Amino acid sequence: MNITEIFHSLQGEGPLIGLPASFIRFTGCLEPYCPWCDTRYALHESTEMTLGQIVDELKNYPGKTVVITGGEPFLQWDAGLSELHTELIRMGYAIQYETSGKTGLPMIDDAVVVCSPKFIDSTWRFDPSNLGKVHYYKFLAGNHESLTGILSFIHENAIAAGQVYVMPIGMTRDEQLRTMEMVFDFCRDNGYRMTPRLHILTFDNRRGV
């Protein structure tokens, strides 16, 4: 498997926000890439690791929660990720996946799948076959146009309000703070959950935290 980094931190966003977890960042993504991506290094910084090497690295960290992210981790589902999933479950890990939903997802019943659909060039880059395979959705909001797009996506795909988290966009602390009030009002008025991005609020644009 091609891995960009493995580290231990707190989950900074979404349904597990604030929870200590180990992170496995898989290399590679699908075009078109997000103009606002804050992990562009995951497109090209890569180390080839076996299942055993990944597991041995995880053993250096406390706890039994692992977040598998990217890039787009499901591009490597048939290249070793499915076997890693089985082994982590066998070892008693709770798994959360983070995906863009650009590629087709397997049906996973023993982990939490969190999808962050991307609105790029006025189009939602989301594979509709993934509906019913995602437990929660995270949306990035940067302006009022993006809020309109989020509402349209939720209503057109009949996504329940309890599945929805909305985050203020921002690759830096200052960028995130500028949009937080808008996202706060939007979530309050529509019954959605707001999630900040704790790692950016705390460490700004430092990586591996």
N, C-alpha and C. Protein backbone atom coordinates (compact mmCIF):
# COMPACT_ATOMS: atom_id res chain seq x y z
N MET A 1 0.84 -1.19 0.00
CA MET A 1 0.00 0.00 0.00
C MET A 1 0.88 1.25 0.00
N ASN A 2 0.42 2.30 -0.64
CA ASN A 2 1.16 3.55 -0.68
C ASN A 2 0.63 4.48 0.41
N ILE A 3 1.49 4.78 1.37
CA ILE A 3 1.11 5.53 2.56
C ILE A 3 1.90 6.83 2.62
N THR A 4 1.21 7.92 2.91
CA THR A 4 1.86 9.22 3.05
C THR A 4 2.37 9.44 4.47
N GLU A 5 1.55 9.11 5.46
CA GLU A 5 1.98 9.30 6.85
C GLU A 5 1.09 8.51 7.79
N ILE A 6 1.65 8.17 8.95
CA ILE A 6 0.91 7.57 10.05
C ILE A 6 1.29 8.36 11.30
N PHE A 7 0.30 8.81 12.05
CA PHE A 7 0.58 9.61 13.23
C PHE A 7 -0.58 9.49 14.22
N HIS A 8 -0.37 9.98 15.43
CA HIS A 8 -1.39 9.94 16.48
C HIS A 8 -1.80 11.36 16.84
N SER A 9 -3.10 11.59 16.98
CA SER A 9 -3.59 12.94 17.23
C SER A 9 -4.99 12.85 17.84
N LEU A 10 -5.70 13.97 17.81
CA LEU A 10 -7.14 14.01 18.08
C LEU A 10 -7.86 14.17 16.75
N GLN A 11 -8.98 13.50 16.61
CA GLN A 11 -9.80 13.73 15.42
C GLN A 11 -10.28 15.17 15.46
N GLY A 12 -10.00 15.92 14.41
CA GLY A 12 -10.25 17.36 14.42
C GLY A 12 -11.61 17.79 13.92
N GLU A 13 -12.39 16.85 13.36
CA GLU A 13 -13.66 17.27 12.74
C GLU A 13 -14.61 16.07 12.64
N GLY A 14 -15.88 16.38 12.42
CA GLY A 14 -16.85 15.32 12.16
C GLY A 14 -17.39 14.65 13.40
N PRO A 15 -17.99 13.48 13.23
CA PRO A 15 -18.71 12.83 14.34
C PRO A 15 -17.81 12.36 15.48
N LEU A 16 -16.53 12.17 15.25
CA LEU A 16 -15.61 11.73 16.31
C LEU A 16 -14.73 12.87 16.80
N ILE A 17 -15.14 14.10 16.59
CA ILE A 17 -14.31 15.26 16.92
C ILE A 17 -13.84 15.20 18.38
N GLY A 18 -12.56 15.47 18.57
CA GLY A 18 -11.97 15.49 19.90
C GLY A 18 -11.49 14.16 20.41
N LEU A 19 -11.75 13.08 19.68
CA LEU A 19 -11.39 11.74 20.15
C LEU A 19 -9.94 11.41 19.76
N PRO A 20 -9.12 10.93 20.71
CA PRO A 20 -7.77 10.48 20.35
C PRO A 20 -7.84 9.35 19.33
N ALA A 21 -6.98 9.41 18.33
CA ALA A 21 -7.00 8.39 17.28
C ALA A 21 -5.65 8.35 16.58
N SER A 22 -5.36 7.19 16.00
CA SER A 22 -4.21 7.06 15.10
C SER A 22 -4.71 7.26 13.67
N PHE A 23 -3.92 7.95 12.87
CA PHE A 23 -4.31 8.28 11.50
C PHE A 23 -3.39 7.58 10.51
N ILE A 24 -3.99 6.97 9.50
CA ILE A 24 -3.25 6.41 8.37
C ILE A 24 -3.69 7.18 7.13
N ARG A 25 -2.75 7.94 6.56
CA ARG A 25 -3.08 8.73 5.37
C ARG A 25 -2.58 8.01 4.12
N PHE A 26 -3.53 7.57 3.31
CA PHE A 26 -3.21 6.89 2.06
C PHE A 26 -2.89 7.92 0.97
N THR A 27 -1.96 7.55 0.09
CA THR A 27 -1.52 8.43 -0.98
C THR A 27 -2.43 8.31 -2.20
N GLY A 28 -2.63 9.44 -2.88
CA GLY A 28 -3.35 9.43 -4.15
C GLY A 28 -4.78 9.90 -4.02
N CYS A 29 -5.27 10.53 -5.08
CA CYS A 29 -6.64 11.02 -5.11
C CYS A 29 -7.12 10.99 -6.56
N LEU A 30 -8.35 11.39 -6.77
CA LEU A 30 -8.95 11.45 -8.10
C LEU A 30 -9.09 12.89 -8.54
N GLU A 31 -8.76 13.16 -9.78
CA GLU A 31 -9.03 14.48 -10.34
C GLU A 31 -10.52 14.63 -10.60
N PRO A 32 -11.03 15.88 -10.58
CA PRO A 32 -10.30 17.12 -10.33
C PRO A 32 -9.98 17.28 -8.84
N TYR A 33 -8.77 17.77 -8.57
CA TYR A 33 -8.35 17.97 -7.19
C TYR A 33 -9.00 19.23 -6.61
N CYS A 34 -9.17 19.24 -5.31
CA CYS A 34 -9.79 20.38 -4.64
C CYS A 34 -8.82 21.57 -4.62
N PRO A 35 -9.23 22.73 -5.11
CA PRO A 35 -8.35 23.90 -5.06
C PRO A 35 -7.96 24.30 -3.64
N TRP A 36 -8.81 23.96 -2.66
CA TRP A 36 -8.59 24.37 -1.27
C TRP A 36 -7.93 23.26 -0.44
N CYS A 37 -7.49 22.18 -1.06
CA CYS A 37 -6.97 21.03 -0.31
C CYS A 37 -5.82 21.44 0.60
N ASP A 38 -5.87 21.01 1.85
CA ASP A 38 -4.79 21.32 2.80
C ASP A 38 -3.87 20.12 3.04
N THR A 39 -4.04 19.06 2.23
CA THR A 39 -3.13 17.91 2.32
C THR A 39 -2.64 17.52 0.92
N ARG A 40 -2.23 18.52 0.14
CA ARG A 40 -1.77 18.24 -1.23
C ARG A 40 -0.55 17.33 -1.26
N TYR A 41 0.19 17.30 -0.17
CA TYR A 41 1.35 16.42 -0.12
C TYR A 41 0.96 14.95 -0.24
N ALA A 42 -0.31 14.63 0.06
CA ALA A 42 -0.78 13.24 -0.06
C ALA A 42 -0.93 12.80 -1.51
N LEU A 43 -0.79 13.72 -2.45
CA LEU A 43 -0.86 13.35 -3.86
C LEU A 43 0.44 12.72 -4.34
N HIS A 44 1.56 13.03 -3.67
CA HIS A 44 2.84 12.59 -4.23
C HIS A 44 3.83 12.06 -3.18
N GLU A 45 3.67 12.41 -1.90
CA GLU A 45 4.60 11.89 -0.88
C GLU A 45 4.13 10.50 -0.45
N SER A 46 4.94 9.50 -0.73
CA SER A 46 4.46 8.13 -0.54
C SER A 46 5.58 7.20 -0.12
N THR A 47 5.24 6.29 0.79
CA THR A 47 6.12 5.17 1.15
C THR A 47 5.33 3.88 0.97
N GLU A 48 5.90 2.92 0.27
CA GLU A 48 5.22 1.64 0.09
C GLU A 48 5.37 0.82 1.37
N MET A 49 4.25 0.42 1.94
CA MET A 49 4.26 -0.32 3.19
C MET A 49 3.40 -1.58 3.08
N THR A 50 3.86 -2.64 3.73
CA THR A 50 3.07 -3.86 3.79
C THR A 50 2.05 -3.75 4.93
N LEU A 51 1.11 -4.68 4.93
CA LEU A 51 0.14 -4.72 6.02
C LEU A 51 0.86 -4.85 7.37
N GLY A 52 1.85 -5.72 7.44
CA GLY A 52 2.57 -5.92 8.69
C GLY A 52 3.29 -4.67 9.16
N GLN A 53 3.88 -3.92 8.23
CA GLN A 53 4.58 -2.69 8.60
C GLN A 53 3.62 -1.64 9.14
N ILE A 54 2.44 -1.54 8.53
CA ILE A 54 1.45 -0.58 9.00
C ILE A 54 0.98 -0.94 10.41
N VAL A 55 0.68 -2.21 10.62
CA VAL A 55 0.22 -2.67 11.94
C VAL A 55 1.30 -2.44 12.99
N ASP A 56 2.55 -2.73 12.65
CA ASP A 56 3.64 -2.53 13.60
C ASP A 56 3.77 -1.05 13.97
N GLU A 57 3.58 -0.15 13.01
CA GLU A 57 3.63 1.28 13.30
C GLU A 57 2.50 1.69 14.22
N LEU A 58 1.30 1.16 13.99
CA LEU A 58 0.15 1.50 14.83
C LEU A 58 0.37 1.07 16.28
N LYS A 59 1.09 -0.01 16.48
CA LYS A 59 1.32 -0.51 17.83
C LYS A 59 2.14 0.46 18.69
N ASN A 60 2.77 1.44 18.04
CA ASN A 60 3.53 2.45 18.78
C ASN A 60 2.64 3.49 19.44
N TYR A 61 1.36 3.50 19.08
CA TYR A 61 0.45 4.53 19.55
C TYR A 61 -0.60 3.94 20.48
N PRO A 62 -1.08 4.74 21.46
CA PRO A 62 -2.09 4.24 22.40
C PRO A 62 -3.48 4.20 21.76
N GLY A 63 -4.35 3.46 22.39
CA GLY A 63 -5.75 3.46 21.98
C GLY A 63 -6.04 2.50 20.85
N LYS A 64 -7.34 2.35 20.58
CA LYS A 64 -7.80 1.41 19.57
C LYS A 64 -8.76 2.07 18.58
N THR A 65 -8.53 3.34 18.30
CA THR A 65 -9.31 4.03 17.27
C THR A 65 -8.37 4.44 16.16
N VAL A 66 -8.73 4.14 14.93
CA VAL A 66 -7.89 4.49 13.78
C VAL A 66 -8.75 5.19 12.73
N VAL A 67 -8.22 6.27 12.18
CA VAL A 67 -8.87 7.01 11.10
C VAL A 67 -8.08 6.75 9.83
N ILE A 68 -8.75 6.23 8.81
CA ILE A 68 -8.10 5.95 7.53
C ILE A 68 -8.54 7.02 6.54
N THR A 69 -7.59 7.80 6.07
CA THR A 69 -7.90 8.99 5.30
C THR A 69 -6.97 9.10 4.10
N GLY A 70 -6.98 10.25 3.44
CA GLY A 70 -6.14 10.43 2.28
C GLY A 70 -5.84 11.89 2.04
N GLY A 71 -5.71 12.27 0.76
CA GLY A 71 -6.04 11.53 -0.45
C GLY A 71 -7.39 10.85 -0.42
N GLU A 72 -7.47 9.79 -1.24
CA GLU A 72 -8.68 8.97 -1.31
C GLU A 72 -8.30 7.52 -1.01
N PRO A 73 -8.52 7.08 0.23
CA PRO A 73 -8.05 5.74 0.62
C PRO A 73 -8.69 4.61 -0.18
N PHE A 74 -9.93 4.76 -0.62
CA PHE A 74 -10.61 3.64 -1.27
C PHE A 74 -10.08 3.34 -2.66
N LEU A 75 -9.19 4.18 -3.19
CA LEU A 75 -8.51 3.83 -4.43
C LEU A 75 -7.62 2.61 -4.22
N GLN A 76 -7.26 2.31 -2.98
CA GLN A 76 -6.39 1.17 -2.68
C GLN A 76 -7.13 0.04 -1.98
N TRP A 77 -8.45 0.04 -2.06
CA TRP A 77 -9.23 -1.01 -1.39
C TRP A 77 -8.81 -2.40 -1.87
N ASP A 78 -8.65 -2.57 -3.19
CA ASP A 78 -8.28 -3.87 -3.74
C ASP A 78 -6.77 -4.09 -3.78
N ALA A 79 -6.02 -3.10 -3.33
CA ALA A 79 -4.56 -3.21 -3.34
C ALA A 79 -4.00 -3.42 -1.93
N GLY A 80 -4.86 -3.80 -1.00
CA GLY A 80 -4.39 -4.11 0.34
C GLY A 80 -5.23 -3.51 1.46
N LEU A 81 -6.00 -2.45 1.17
CA LEU A 81 -6.78 -1.82 2.23
C LEU A 81 -7.84 -2.76 2.77
N SER A 82 -8.47 -3.55 1.91
CA SER A 82 -9.51 -4.47 2.41
C SER A 82 -8.90 -5.48 3.40
N GLU A 83 -7.68 -5.96 3.11
CA GLU A 83 -7.01 -6.89 4.03
C GLU A 83 -6.61 -6.18 5.32
N LEU A 84 -6.16 -4.93 5.21
CA LEU A 84 -5.82 -4.15 6.41
C LEU A 84 -7.06 -3.95 7.26
N HIS A 85 -8.18 -3.65 6.63
CA HIS A 85 -9.45 -3.47 7.36
C HIS A 85 -9.77 -4.73 8.18
N THR A 86 -9.70 -5.87 7.54
CA THR A 86 -10.01 -7.13 8.22
C THR A 86 -9.10 -7.36 9.42
N GLU A 87 -7.81 -7.05 9.25
CA GLU A 87 -6.85 -7.27 10.33
C GLU A 87 -7.08 -6.29 11.48
N LEU A 88 -7.38 -5.04 11.17
CA LEU A 88 -7.62 -4.06 12.23
C LEU A 88 -8.87 -4.41 13.04
N ILE A 89 -9.90 -4.87 12.37
CA ILE A 89 -11.10 -5.31 13.08
C ILE A 89 -10.78 -6.51 13.97
N ARG A 90 -9.99 -7.44 13.43
CA ARG A 90 -9.60 -8.62 14.22
C ARG A 90 -8.84 -8.21 15.48
N MET A 91 -8.05 -7.13 15.37
CA MET A 91 -7.25 -6.66 16.50
C MET A 91 -8.04 -5.77 17.47
N GLY A 92 -9.30 -5.54 17.17
CA GLY A 92 -10.15 -4.78 18.09
C GLY A 92 -10.16 -3.28 17.86
N TYR A 93 -9.70 -2.83 16.70
CA TYR A 93 -9.72 -1.40 16.40
C TYR A 93 -11.11 -0.97 15.95
N ALA A 94 -11.49 0.25 16.35
CA ALA A 94 -12.66 0.93 15.78
C ALA A 94 -12.14 1.80 14.63
N ILE A 95 -12.74 1.68 13.46
CA ILE A 95 -12.24 2.34 12.25
C ILE A 95 -13.20 3.41 11.79
N GLN A 96 -12.66 4.57 11.45
CA GLN A 96 -13.41 5.60 10.73
C GLN A 96 -12.71 5.86 9.41
N TYR A 97 -13.46 5.79 8.34
CA TYR A 97 -12.95 6.13 7.02
C TYR A 97 -13.34 7.56 6.66
N GLU A 98 -12.42 8.27 6.01
CA GLU A 98 -12.71 9.58 5.45
C GLU A 98 -12.54 9.48 3.93
N THR A 99 -13.59 9.80 3.19
CA THR A 99 -13.59 9.65 1.74
C THR A 99 -14.25 10.85 1.08
N SER A 100 -13.84 11.11 -0.15
CA SER A 100 -14.49 12.16 -0.93
C SER A 100 -15.76 11.67 -1.59
N GLY A 101 -15.89 10.35 -1.73
CA GLY A 101 -17.03 9.79 -2.45
C GLY A 101 -16.91 9.92 -3.96
N LYS A 102 -15.72 10.30 -4.46
CA LYS A 102 -15.53 10.40 -5.91
C LYS A 102 -15.47 9.03 -6.58
N THR A 103 -15.03 8.03 -5.83
CA THR A 103 -14.93 6.67 -6.35
C THR A 103 -15.96 5.79 -5.67
N GLY A 104 -16.27 4.66 -6.27
CA GLY A 104 -17.23 3.75 -5.68
C GLY A 104 -16.73 3.16 -4.37
N LEU A 105 -17.61 3.05 -3.39
CA LEU A 105 -17.26 2.54 -2.07
C LEU A 105 -17.78 1.12 -1.88
N PRO A 106 -17.06 0.30 -1.13
CA PRO A 106 -17.61 -0.99 -0.74
C PRO A 106 -18.67 -0.79 0.35
N MET A 107 -19.49 -1.78 0.55
CA MET A 107 -20.44 -1.74 1.66
C MET A 107 -19.72 -2.20 2.93
N ILE A 108 -19.63 -1.29 3.90
CA ILE A 108 -18.89 -1.58 5.13
C ILE A 108 -19.83 -1.45 6.32
N ASP A 109 -20.00 -2.54 7.06
CA ASP A 109 -20.92 -2.54 8.20
C ASP A 109 -20.21 -2.45 9.55
N ASP A 110 -18.89 -2.67 9.57
CA ASP A 110 -18.18 -2.72 10.84
C ASP A 110 -17.21 -1.56 11.01
N ALA A 111 -17.49 -0.44 10.35
CA ALA A 111 -16.70 0.78 10.50
C ALA A 111 -17.60 1.96 10.16
N VAL A 112 -17.15 3.16 10.51
CA VAL A 112 -17.90 4.38 10.22
C VAL A 112 -17.31 5.02 8.97
N VAL A 113 -18.15 5.28 7.98
CA VAL A 113 -17.72 5.90 6.73
C VAL A 113 -18.23 7.34 6.71
N VAL A 114 -17.30 8.28 6.65
CA VAL A 114 -17.64 9.70 6.62
C VAL A 114 -17.22 10.25 5.25
N CYS A 115 -18.19 10.78 4.53
CA CYS A 115 -17.93 11.28 3.18
C CYS A 115 -17.99 12.80 3.16
N SER A 116 -17.01 13.39 2.48
CA SER A 116 -16.97 14.84 2.30
C SER A 116 -17.08 15.15 0.82
N PRO A 117 -18.31 15.23 0.28
CA PRO A 117 -18.47 15.49 -1.16
C PRO A 117 -17.86 16.83 -1.56
N LYS A 118 -17.27 16.87 -2.76
CA LYS A 118 -16.58 18.07 -3.23
C LYS A 118 -17.36 18.75 -4.34
N PHE A 119 -17.58 20.05 -4.17
CA PHE A 119 -18.25 20.86 -5.19
C PHE A 119 -17.15 21.62 -5.94
N ILE A 120 -16.79 21.11 -7.12
CA ILE A 120 -15.67 21.65 -7.89
C ILE A 120 -16.15 22.03 -9.28
N ASP A 121 -15.83 23.24 -9.71
CA ASP A 121 -16.26 23.72 -11.03
C ASP A 121 -17.76 23.58 -11.21
N SER A 122 -18.50 23.99 -10.17
CA SER A 122 -19.97 24.03 -10.19
C SER A 122 -20.61 22.66 -10.33
N THR A 123 -19.89 21.60 -9.95
CA THR A 123 -20.41 20.24 -10.06
C THR A 123 -20.05 19.45 -8.81
N TRP A 124 -21.01 18.68 -8.29
CA TRP A 124 -20.71 17.77 -7.19
C TRP A 124 -20.00 16.55 -7.73
N ARG A 125 -18.78 16.31 -7.25
CA ARG A 125 -17.97 15.19 -7.70
C ARG A 125 -18.21 14.01 -6.77
N PHE A 126 -19.34 13.36 -6.97
CA PHE A 126 -19.80 12.31 -6.04
C PHE A 126 -20.40 11.18 -6.85
N ASP A 127 -19.97 9.97 -6.57
CA ASP A 127 -20.50 8.78 -7.23
C ASP A 127 -21.84 8.42 -6.57
N PRO A 128 -22.96 8.55 -7.29
CA PRO A 128 -24.27 8.32 -6.65
C PRO A 128 -24.47 6.89 -6.16
N SER A 129 -23.64 5.96 -6.63
CA SER A 129 -23.77 4.58 -6.14
C SER A 129 -23.39 4.47 -4.67
N ASN A 130 -22.79 5.54 -4.13
CA ASN A 130 -22.36 5.52 -2.72
C ASN A 130 -23.48 5.85 -1.74
N LEU A 131 -24.59 6.34 -2.24
CA LEU A 131 -25.72 6.60 -1.35
C LEU A 131 -26.14 5.29 -0.67
N GLY A 132 -26.31 5.33 0.61
CA GLY A 132 -26.63 4.12 1.36
C GLY A 132 -25.40 3.42 1.91
N LYS A 133 -24.20 3.84 1.48
CA LYS A 133 -22.96 3.27 1.99
C LYS A 133 -22.23 4.22 2.93
N VAL A 134 -22.75 5.43 3.07
CA VAL A 134 -22.11 6.47 3.88
C VAL A 134 -22.93 6.67 5.15
N HIS A 135 -22.24 6.77 6.29
CA HIS A 135 -22.93 6.98 7.57
C HIS A 135 -23.12 8.46 7.87
N TYR A 136 -22.12 9.27 7.55
CA TYR A 136 -22.20 10.71 7.80
C TYR A 136 -21.60 11.46 6.62
N TYR A 137 -22.07 12.69 6.44
CA TYR A 137 -21.55 13.58 5.40
C TYR A 137 -20.98 14.83 6.05
N LYS A 138 -19.79 15.23 5.58
CA LYS A 138 -19.18 16.48 6.01
C LYS A 138 -19.08 17.40 4.80
N PHE A 139 -19.58 18.62 4.95
CA PHE A 139 -19.53 19.58 3.87
C PHE A 139 -18.67 20.77 4.28
N LEU A 140 -17.88 21.28 3.33
CA LEU A 140 -17.11 22.49 3.53
C LEU A 140 -17.87 23.68 2.98
N ALA A 141 -17.98 24.73 3.80
CA ALA A 141 -18.70 25.93 3.38
C ALA A 141 -17.77 27.13 3.44
N GLY A 142 -17.74 27.90 2.35
CA GLY A 142 -16.88 29.07 2.31
C GLY A 142 -17.59 30.36 1.99
N ASN A 143 -18.80 30.25 1.41
CA ASN A 143 -19.58 31.44 1.06
C ASN A 143 -21.04 31.03 0.94
N HIS A 144 -21.90 31.99 0.67
CA HIS A 144 -23.34 31.70 0.62
C HIS A 144 -23.70 30.81 -0.58
N GLU A 145 -22.94 30.92 -1.66
CA GLU A 145 -23.19 30.03 -2.81
C GLU A 145 -22.96 28.57 -2.42
N SER A 146 -21.91 28.33 -1.64
CA SER A 146 -21.64 26.95 -1.22
C SER A 146 -22.75 26.42 -0.32
N LEU A 147 -23.33 27.28 0.51
CA LEU A 147 -24.44 26.85 1.36
C LEU A 147 -25.64 26.43 0.54
N THR A 148 -25.92 27.18 -0.53
CA THR A 148 -27.03 26.81 -1.42
C THR A 148 -26.77 25.46 -2.06
N GLY A 149 -25.52 25.22 -2.48
CA GLY A 149 -25.18 23.94 -3.07
C GLY A 149 -25.30 22.79 -2.09
N ILE A 150 -24.92 23.03 -0.85
CA ILE A 150 -25.04 21.99 0.18
C ILE A 150 -26.51 21.62 0.40
N LEU A 151 -27.36 22.62 0.50
CA LEU A 151 -28.79 22.35 0.68
C LEU A 151 -29.35 21.54 -0.48
N SER A 152 -28.96 21.89 -1.70
CA SER A 152 -29.44 21.17 -2.88
C SER A 152 -29.00 19.71 -2.85
N PHE A 153 -27.74 19.48 -2.50
CA PHE A 153 -27.22 18.11 -2.45
C PHE A 153 -27.98 17.30 -1.40
N ILE A 154 -28.19 17.87 -0.23
CA ILE A 154 -28.88 17.16 0.84
C ILE A 154 -30.32 16.82 0.45
N HIS A 155 -31.03 17.78 -0.12
CA HIS A 155 -32.43 17.56 -0.46
C HIS A 155 -32.58 16.60 -1.65
N GLU A 156 -31.72 16.75 -2.66
CA GLU A 156 -31.83 15.89 -3.85
C GLU A 156 -31.51 14.44 -3.53
N ASN A 157 -30.67 14.22 -2.52
CA ASN A 157 -30.28 12.85 -2.19
C ASN A 157 -30.95 12.33 -0.91
N ALA A 158 -31.92 13.10 -0.40
CA ALA A 158 -32.71 12.69 0.76
C ALA A 158 -31.84 12.26 1.94
N ILE A 159 -30.84 13.08 2.25
CA ILE A 159 -29.95 12.80 3.36
C ILE A 159 -30.56 13.34 4.65
N ALA A 160 -30.61 12.53 5.68
CA ALA A 160 -31.20 12.95 6.95
C ALA A 160 -30.35 14.01 7.63
N ALA A 161 -31.00 14.95 8.31
CA ALA A 161 -30.27 16.03 8.98
C ALA A 161 -29.25 15.51 9.98
N GLY A 162 -29.56 14.39 10.63
CA GLY A 162 -28.66 13.82 11.61
C GLY A 162 -27.38 13.25 11.03
N GLN A 163 -27.33 13.12 9.72
CA GLN A 163 -26.12 12.63 9.05
C GLN A 163 -25.20 13.77 8.61
N VAL A 164 -25.64 15.01 8.79
CA VAL A 164 -24.96 16.15 8.16
C VAL A 164 -24.10 16.92 9.17
N TYR A 165 -22.85 17.14 8.79
CA TYR A 165 -21.94 18.04 9.49
C TYR A 165 -21.44 19.08 8.49
N VAL A 166 -21.36 20.33 8.94
CA VAL A 166 -20.88 21.40 8.06
C VAL A 166 -19.69 22.07 8.71
N MET A 167 -18.61 22.24 7.92
CA MET A 167 -17.36 22.80 8.41
C MET A 167 -17.06 24.12 7.72
N PRO A 168 -16.47 25.07 8.42
CA PRO A 168 -15.98 26.28 7.77
C PRO A 168 -14.72 25.96 6.98
N ILE A 169 -14.69 26.38 5.73
CA ILE A 169 -13.52 26.13 4.90
C ILE A 169 -12.35 26.97 5.41
N GLY A 170 -11.14 26.48 5.18
CA GLY A 170 -9.98 27.26 5.59
C GLY A 170 -8.76 26.40 5.78
N MET A 171 -7.71 26.67 5.01
CA MET A 171 -6.45 25.95 5.17
C MET A 171 -5.61 26.53 6.29
N THR A 172 -6.03 27.72 6.79
CA THR A 172 -5.33 28.35 7.91
C THR A 172 -6.35 28.73 8.97
N ARG A 173 -5.86 29.05 10.17
CA ARG A 173 -6.73 29.45 11.27
C ARG A 173 -7.55 30.69 10.90
N ASP A 174 -6.90 31.70 10.33
CA ASP A 174 -7.60 32.94 10.01
C ASP A 174 -8.68 32.72 8.97
N GLU A 175 -8.40 31.89 7.96
CA GLU A 175 -9.41 31.60 6.93
C GLU A 175 -10.62 30.91 7.54
N GLN A 176 -10.40 29.98 8.44
CA GLN A 176 -11.50 29.27 9.07
C GLN A 176 -12.34 30.21 9.94
N LEU A 177 -11.68 31.05 10.70
CA LEU A 177 -12.40 31.95 11.60
C LEU A 177 -13.30 32.91 10.84
N ARG A 178 -12.89 33.29 9.63
CA ARG A 178 -13.69 34.24 8.84
C ARG A 178 -15.04 33.66 8.42
N THR A 179 -15.15 32.34 8.32
CA THR A 179 -16.40 31.73 7.86
C THR A 179 -17.19 31.04 8.96
N MET A 180 -16.69 31.04 10.19
CA MET A 180 -17.35 30.28 11.25
C MET A 180 -18.73 30.82 11.60
N GLU A 181 -18.89 32.13 11.65
CA GLU A 181 -20.20 32.69 12.01
C GLU A 181 -21.24 32.32 10.97
N MET A 182 -20.87 32.39 9.70
CA MET A 182 -21.80 32.02 8.63
C MET A 182 -22.23 30.55 8.76
N VAL A 183 -21.28 29.67 9.02
CA VAL A 183 -21.60 28.24 9.16
C VAL A 183 -22.43 28.00 10.42
N PHE A 184 -22.12 28.70 11.49
CA PHE A 184 -22.89 28.59 12.73
C PHE A 184 -24.36 28.91 12.47
N ASP A 185 -24.62 30.03 11.81
CA ASP A 185 -26.00 30.44 11.53
C ASP A 185 -26.71 29.44 10.62
N PHE A 186 -25.98 28.95 9.62
CA PHE A 186 -26.56 27.99 8.66
C PHE A 186 -26.98 26.71 9.37
N CYS A 187 -26.12 26.17 10.21
CA CYS A 187 -26.44 24.93 10.91
C CYS A 187 -27.58 25.12 11.90
N ARG A 188 -27.56 26.23 12.62
CA ARG A 188 -28.64 26.53 13.56
C ARG A 188 -29.99 26.60 12.84
N ASP A 189 -30.03 27.25 11.70
CA ASP A 189 -31.29 27.50 10.99
C ASP A 189 -31.80 26.27 10.24
N ASN A 190 -30.91 25.29 9.96
CA ASN A 190 -31.33 24.14 9.15
C ASN A 190 -31.28 22.81 9.90
N GLY A 191 -30.90 22.84 11.18
CA GLY A 191 -30.92 21.63 11.98
C GLY A 191 -29.75 20.69 11.74
N TYR A 192 -28.63 21.23 11.23
CA TYR A 192 -27.44 20.43 11.00
C TYR A 192 -26.43 20.63 12.14
N ARG A 193 -25.44 19.77 12.18
CA ARG A 193 -24.38 19.91 13.17
C ARG A 193 -23.21 20.67 12.56
N MET A 194 -22.68 21.59 13.32
CA MET A 194 -21.48 22.30 12.89
C MET A 194 -20.26 21.60 13.47
N THR A 195 -19.24 21.45 12.67
CA THR A 195 -17.97 20.95 13.17
C THR A 195 -16.86 21.91 12.77
N PRO A 196 -16.13 22.45 13.74
CA PRO A 196 -14.93 23.20 13.39
C PRO A 196 -13.86 22.22 12.93
N ARG A 197 -12.69 22.72 12.64
CA ARG A 197 -11.54 21.87 12.30
C ARG A 197 -10.49 22.16 13.37
N LEU A 198 -10.55 21.36 14.45
CA LEU A 198 -9.77 21.65 15.65
C LEU A 198 -8.27 21.70 15.40
N HIS A 199 -7.78 20.84 14.52
CA HIS A 199 -6.34 20.80 14.27
C HIS A 199 -5.85 22.09 13.63
N ILE A 200 -6.69 22.71 12.80
CA ILE A 200 -6.30 23.98 12.18
C ILE A 200 -6.46 25.13 13.17
N LEU A 201 -7.52 25.12 13.94
CA LEU A 201 -7.70 26.16 14.96
C LEU A 201 -6.55 26.13 15.97
N THR A 202 -6.07 24.95 16.28
CA THR A 202 -5.03 24.81 17.30
C THR A 202 -3.62 25.04 16.75
N PHE A 203 -3.34 24.43 15.60
CA PHE A 203 -1.97 24.41 15.09
C PHE A 203 -1.79 25.21 13.79
N ASP A 204 -2.85 25.87 13.32
CA ASP A 204 -2.82 26.60 12.05
C ASP A 204 -2.52 25.60 10.91
N ASN A 205 -1.52 25.84 10.09
CA ASN A 205 -1.30 24.96 8.94
C ASN A 205 -0.16 23.96 9.15
N ARG A 206 0.15 23.65 10.41
CA ARG A 206 1.16 22.62 10.68
C ARG A 206 0.61 21.25 10.31
N ARG A 207 1.44 20.39 9.77
CA ARG A 207 0.98 19.06 9.35
C ARG A 207 1.35 17.99 10.38
N GLY A 208 0.68 16.82 10.28
CA GLY A 208 1.00 15.70 11.15
C GLY A 208 0.56 15.90 12.59
N VAL A 209 -0.53 16.69 12.79
CA VAL A 209 -1.00 16.96 14.16
C VAL A 209 -2.47 16.57 14.30
